[in-house]
Structures are given as structure tokens and as C-alpha cells.
Amino acid sequence: MSSISVGIREFRARLAEYLLESDQPIAVTRHGSTIGYFIPARADLDRASLKEAAAHMDALLHREGCTEKDLDEVTRDFRAWRKKRQK
């Protein structure tokens, strides 16, 4: 399963299309750096397909050099941003 790479503006502009029609993972980039991945889920996917998608996401994160510590930091930053935004 290969992924495609799109900029964040294009991803936002074509969000409905990606959500409804995409059948492959999408690496979302900002200024050329990957900032996230969208892995589409379909109602007809089985457990094996979801496990394959999770393994693919792990491989993409590993390829980008993300560690568990990095992911924890991103989670903390996101929660702080959300908390600040809610105020």
C-alpha cells in the first residue's frame, strides 16, 4: 500500500474527496515536511485491513524518524493548543 503526498491547503480544499473516495494513505505536508497522515477507513474494511493500515502508518512514522517520545511530545503540544483554544 503506497501513500500519496499532498500539501495541507490541497488536503483541506479537497477534504470531502479524500474522505469519501481515497483508498490509499495520504501524507499531509506543510512547506515540504510531513505533518501527518490520513489513513482512510471504509465500512467494509475487515480487521486484517485495519491492522495492515496500522502497520503501514508505523512504517511511515519510522521512515520519518518519529519516536514514541516525539509522538508523546506532539500529543502534549496538541492538548495544550486545544486547551488554549477552548478558553
N, C-alpha and C. Protein backbone atom coordinates (compact mmCIF):
# COMPACT_ATOMS: atom_id res chain seq x y z
N MET A 1 0.86 -1.17 0.00
CA MET A 1 0.00 0.00 0.00
C MET A 1 0.90 1.23 0.00
N SER A 2 0.85 2.01 -1.05
CA SER A 2 1.67 3.21 -1.13
C SER A 2 0.85 4.43 -0.73
N SER A 3 1.56 5.47 -0.30
CA SER A 3 0.86 6.68 0.09
C SER A 3 1.10 7.77 -0.95
N ILE A 4 0.20 8.75 -0.95
CA ILE A 4 0.40 9.92 -1.79
C ILE A 4 0.69 11.08 -0.87
N SER A 5 1.34 12.08 -1.37
CA SER A 5 1.72 13.24 -0.57
C SER A 5 1.00 14.47 -1.11
N VAL A 6 0.32 15.21 -0.21
CA VAL A 6 -0.37 16.44 -0.63
C VAL A 6 -0.10 17.52 0.41
N GLY A 7 -0.10 18.75 -0.05
CA GLY A 7 0.06 19.87 0.85
C GLY A 7 -1.20 20.08 1.69
N ILE A 8 -1.03 20.72 2.82
CA ILE A 8 -2.15 20.90 3.75
C ILE A 8 -3.28 21.71 3.12
N ARG A 9 -2.95 22.70 2.31
CA ARG A 9 -4.01 23.50 1.68
C ARG A 9 -4.82 22.67 0.70
N GLU A 10 -4.13 21.86 -0.10
CA GLU A 10 -4.84 20.99 -1.03
C GLU A 10 -5.68 19.97 -0.26
N PHE A 11 -5.12 19.43 0.82
CA PHE A 11 -5.86 18.45 1.62
C PHE A 11 -7.15 19.07 2.16
N ARG A 12 -7.04 20.30 2.69
CA ARG A 12 -8.24 20.98 3.19
C ARG A 12 -9.23 21.26 2.08
N ALA A 13 -8.73 21.72 0.94
CA ALA A 13 -9.62 22.08 -0.17
C ALA A 13 -10.35 20.85 -0.73
N ARG A 14 -9.71 19.71 -0.70
CA ARG A 14 -10.30 18.50 -1.27
C ARG A 14 -10.66 17.47 -0.20
N LEU A 15 -10.87 17.94 1.02
CA LEU A 15 -11.11 17.05 2.15
C LEU A 15 -12.24 16.06 1.89
N ALA A 16 -13.37 16.53 1.41
CA ALA A 16 -14.50 15.64 1.17
C ALA A 16 -14.12 14.54 0.19
N GLU A 17 -13.40 14.91 -0.85
CA GLU A 17 -12.98 13.92 -1.84
C GLU A 17 -12.07 12.87 -1.20
N TYR A 18 -11.10 13.33 -0.40
CA TYR A 18 -10.19 12.39 0.25
C TYR A 18 -10.94 11.50 1.24
N LEU A 19 -11.87 12.08 1.99
CA LEU A 19 -12.61 11.30 2.98
C LEU A 19 -13.51 10.26 2.32
N LEU A 20 -14.13 10.62 1.22
CA LEU A 20 -15.12 9.74 0.61
C LEU A 20 -14.57 8.81 -0.47
N GLU A 21 -13.50 9.21 -1.13
CA GLU A 21 -13.06 8.46 -2.30
C GLU A 21 -11.66 7.85 -2.20
N SER A 22 -10.85 8.33 -1.30
CA SER A 22 -9.47 7.85 -1.24
C SER A 22 -9.40 6.42 -0.74
N ASP A 23 -8.52 5.65 -1.36
CA ASP A 23 -8.33 4.27 -0.93
C ASP A 23 -6.88 3.99 -0.55
N GLN A 24 -6.08 5.06 -0.45
CA GLN A 24 -4.69 4.88 -0.04
C GLN A 24 -4.32 5.96 0.97
N PRO A 25 -3.33 5.68 1.83
CA PRO A 25 -2.92 6.67 2.82
C PRO A 25 -2.42 7.95 2.16
N ILE A 26 -2.59 9.05 2.86
CA ILE A 26 -2.17 10.35 2.36
C ILE A 26 -1.23 10.97 3.38
N ALA A 27 -0.03 11.33 2.94
CA ALA A 27 0.90 12.06 3.77
C ALA A 27 0.60 13.54 3.57
N VAL A 28 0.22 14.24 4.63
CA VAL A 28 -0.10 15.66 4.55
C VAL A 28 1.16 16.44 4.88
N THR A 29 1.51 17.38 4.00
CA THR A 29 2.75 18.13 4.19
C THR A 29 2.49 19.62 4.37
N ARG A 30 3.45 20.28 4.97
CA ARG A 30 3.43 21.74 5.12
C ARG A 30 4.85 22.21 4.84
N HIS A 31 5.01 23.03 3.85
CA HIS A 31 6.33 23.51 3.43
C HIS A 31 7.29 22.35 3.18
N GLY A 32 6.77 21.27 2.60
CA GLY A 32 7.60 20.14 2.24
C GLY A 32 7.85 19.12 3.33
N SER A 33 7.45 19.41 4.57
CA SER A 33 7.65 18.48 5.68
C SER A 33 6.34 17.78 6.00
N THR A 34 6.41 16.49 6.20
CA THR A 34 5.22 15.73 6.54
C THR A 34 4.78 16.09 7.95
N ILE A 35 3.49 16.47 8.08
CA ILE A 35 2.96 16.84 9.39
C ILE A 35 1.92 15.86 9.90
N GLY A 36 1.49 14.95 9.04
CA GLY A 36 0.51 13.97 9.48
C GLY A 36 0.14 13.02 8.35
N TYR A 37 -0.60 12.01 8.74
CA TYR A 37 -1.05 11.02 7.77
C TYR A 37 -2.55 10.83 7.92
N PHE A 38 -3.22 10.67 6.80
CA PHE A 38 -4.63 10.31 6.78
C PHE A 38 -4.71 8.91 6.22
N ILE A 39 -5.27 8.00 6.99
CA ILE A 39 -5.45 6.64 6.53
C ILE A 39 -6.95 6.39 6.46
N PRO A 40 -7.47 6.28 5.25
CA PRO A 40 -8.92 6.15 5.08
C PRO A 40 -9.44 4.83 5.66
N ALA A 41 -10.62 4.91 6.21
CA ALA A 41 -11.30 3.72 6.72
C ALA A 41 -12.62 3.59 5.99
N ARG A 42 -12.95 2.41 5.61
CA ARG A 42 -14.21 2.14 4.92
C ARG A 42 -15.03 1.20 5.78
N ALA A 43 -16.32 1.33 5.69
CA ALA A 43 -17.21 0.48 6.48
C ALA A 43 -17.01 -0.99 6.16
N ASP A 44 -16.58 -1.29 4.94
CA ASP A 44 -16.41 -2.68 4.56
C ASP A 44 -15.02 -3.24 4.84
N LEU A 45 -14.17 -2.45 5.50
CA LEU A 45 -12.84 -2.95 5.85
C LEU A 45 -12.94 -4.00 6.94
N ASP A 46 -12.14 -5.00 6.85
CA ASP A 46 -12.11 -6.00 7.90
C ASP A 46 -10.94 -5.73 8.85
N ARG A 47 -10.86 -6.52 9.89
CA ARG A 47 -9.83 -6.34 10.90
C ARG A 47 -8.42 -6.44 10.30
N ALA A 48 -8.21 -7.36 9.38
CA ALA A 48 -6.90 -7.52 8.76
C ALA A 48 -6.49 -6.26 8.00
N SER A 49 -7.44 -5.63 7.32
CA SER A 49 -7.14 -4.40 6.58
C SER A 49 -6.75 -3.27 7.54
N LEU A 50 -7.44 -3.18 8.67
CA LEU A 50 -7.10 -2.16 9.66
C LEU A 50 -5.72 -2.41 10.25
N LYS A 51 -5.39 -3.67 10.50
CA LYS A 51 -4.06 -3.99 11.01
C LYS A 51 -2.99 -3.64 9.97
N GLU A 52 -3.29 -3.89 8.71
CA GLU A 52 -2.35 -3.54 7.64
C GLU A 52 -2.15 -2.03 7.59
N ALA A 53 -3.23 -1.26 7.73
CA ALA A 53 -3.13 0.20 7.73
C ALA A 53 -2.31 0.69 8.92
N ALA A 54 -2.52 0.08 10.09
CA ALA A 54 -1.75 0.47 11.28
C ALA A 54 -0.27 0.15 11.09
N ALA A 55 0.03 -0.99 10.52
CA ALA A 55 1.42 -1.36 10.25
C ALA A 55 2.05 -0.39 9.25
N HIS A 56 1.27 0.00 8.26
CA HIS A 56 1.76 0.96 7.26
C HIS A 56 2.04 2.31 7.92
N MET A 57 1.15 2.74 8.80
CA MET A 57 1.36 4.01 9.49
C MET A 57 2.62 3.93 10.35
N ASP A 58 2.81 2.82 11.05
CA ASP A 58 4.02 2.66 11.85
C ASP A 58 5.27 2.74 10.99
N ALA A 59 5.22 2.11 9.81
CA ALA A 59 6.37 2.15 8.90
C ALA A 59 6.63 3.57 8.41
N LEU A 60 5.57 4.30 8.09
CA LEU A 60 5.74 5.70 7.65
C LEU A 60 6.34 6.55 8.76
N LEU A 61 5.86 6.38 9.98
CA LEU A 61 6.40 7.15 11.10
C LEU A 61 7.86 6.79 11.34
N HIS A 62 8.19 5.50 11.26
CA HIS A 62 9.57 5.06 11.44
C HIS A 62 10.46 5.65 10.34
N ARG A 63 9.97 5.62 9.09
CA ARG A 63 10.74 6.17 7.97
C ARG A 63 11.04 7.66 8.17
N GLU A 64 10.07 8.37 8.78
CA GLU A 64 10.25 9.80 9.03
C GLU A 64 11.09 10.07 10.28
N GLY A 65 11.45 9.00 10.99
CA GLY A 65 12.30 9.15 12.17
C GLY A 65 11.55 9.50 13.44
N CYS A 66 10.24 9.30 13.47
CA CYS A 66 9.45 9.61 14.65
C CYS A 66 9.63 8.52 15.71
N THR A 67 9.88 8.94 16.92
CA THR A 67 10.00 8.01 18.04
C THR A 67 8.76 8.15 18.92
N GLU A 68 8.63 7.24 19.87
CA GLU A 68 7.49 7.33 20.79
C GLU A 68 7.56 8.64 21.58
N LYS A 69 8.77 9.06 21.92
CA LYS A 69 8.96 10.33 22.62
C LYS A 69 8.45 11.50 21.77
N ASP A 70 8.74 11.47 20.46
CA ASP A 70 8.25 12.51 19.55
C ASP A 70 6.72 12.54 19.53
N LEU A 71 6.12 11.35 19.46
CA LEU A 71 4.66 11.26 19.40
C LEU A 71 4.04 11.76 20.71
N ASP A 72 4.68 11.46 21.85
CA ASP A 72 4.20 11.97 23.13
C ASP A 72 4.27 13.49 23.17
N GLU A 73 5.35 14.04 22.62
CA GLU A 73 5.50 15.50 22.59
C GLU A 73 4.43 16.14 21.71
N VAL A 74 4.16 15.55 20.57
CA VAL A 74 3.12 16.05 19.68
C VAL A 74 1.76 16.01 20.39
N THR A 75 1.50 14.92 21.09
CA THR A 75 0.24 14.80 21.82
C THR A 75 0.12 15.88 22.89
N ARG A 76 1.19 16.10 23.64
CA ARG A 76 1.17 17.17 24.67
C ARG A 76 0.95 18.54 24.05
N ASP A 77 1.67 18.82 22.96
CA ASP A 77 1.51 20.10 22.27
C ASP A 77 0.09 20.29 21.77
N PHE A 78 -0.48 19.24 21.19
CA PHE A 78 -1.85 19.32 20.68
C PHE A 78 -2.83 19.57 21.80
N ARG A 79 -2.68 18.86 22.92
CA ARG A 79 -3.60 19.07 24.05
C ARG A 79 -3.49 20.48 24.60
N ALA A 80 -2.26 21.01 24.69
CA ALA A 80 -2.07 22.38 25.17
C ALA A 80 -2.71 23.37 24.21
N TRP A 81 -2.52 23.16 22.92
CA TRP A 81 -3.13 24.04 21.91
C TRP A 81 -4.64 24.00 22.01
N ARG A 82 -5.22 22.80 22.16
CA ARG A 82 -6.67 22.66 22.27
C ARG A 82 -7.20 23.35 23.52
N LYS A 83 -6.49 23.18 24.63
CA LYS A 83 -6.92 23.80 25.88
C LYS A 83 -6.90 25.32 25.76
N LYS A 84 -5.84 25.85 25.16
CA LYS A 84 -5.73 27.30 24.97
C LYS A 84 -6.83 27.80 24.05
N ARG A 85 -7.13 27.03 23.01
CA ARG A 85 -8.14 27.43 22.03
C ARG A 85 -9.54 27.44 22.65
N GLN A 86 -9.80 26.56 23.60
CA GLN A 86 -11.12 26.47 24.23
C GLN A 86 -11.39 27.65 25.16
N LYS A 87 -10.35 28.31 25.62
CA LYS A 87 -10.53 29.42 26.57
C LYS A 87 -11.05 30.66 25.91
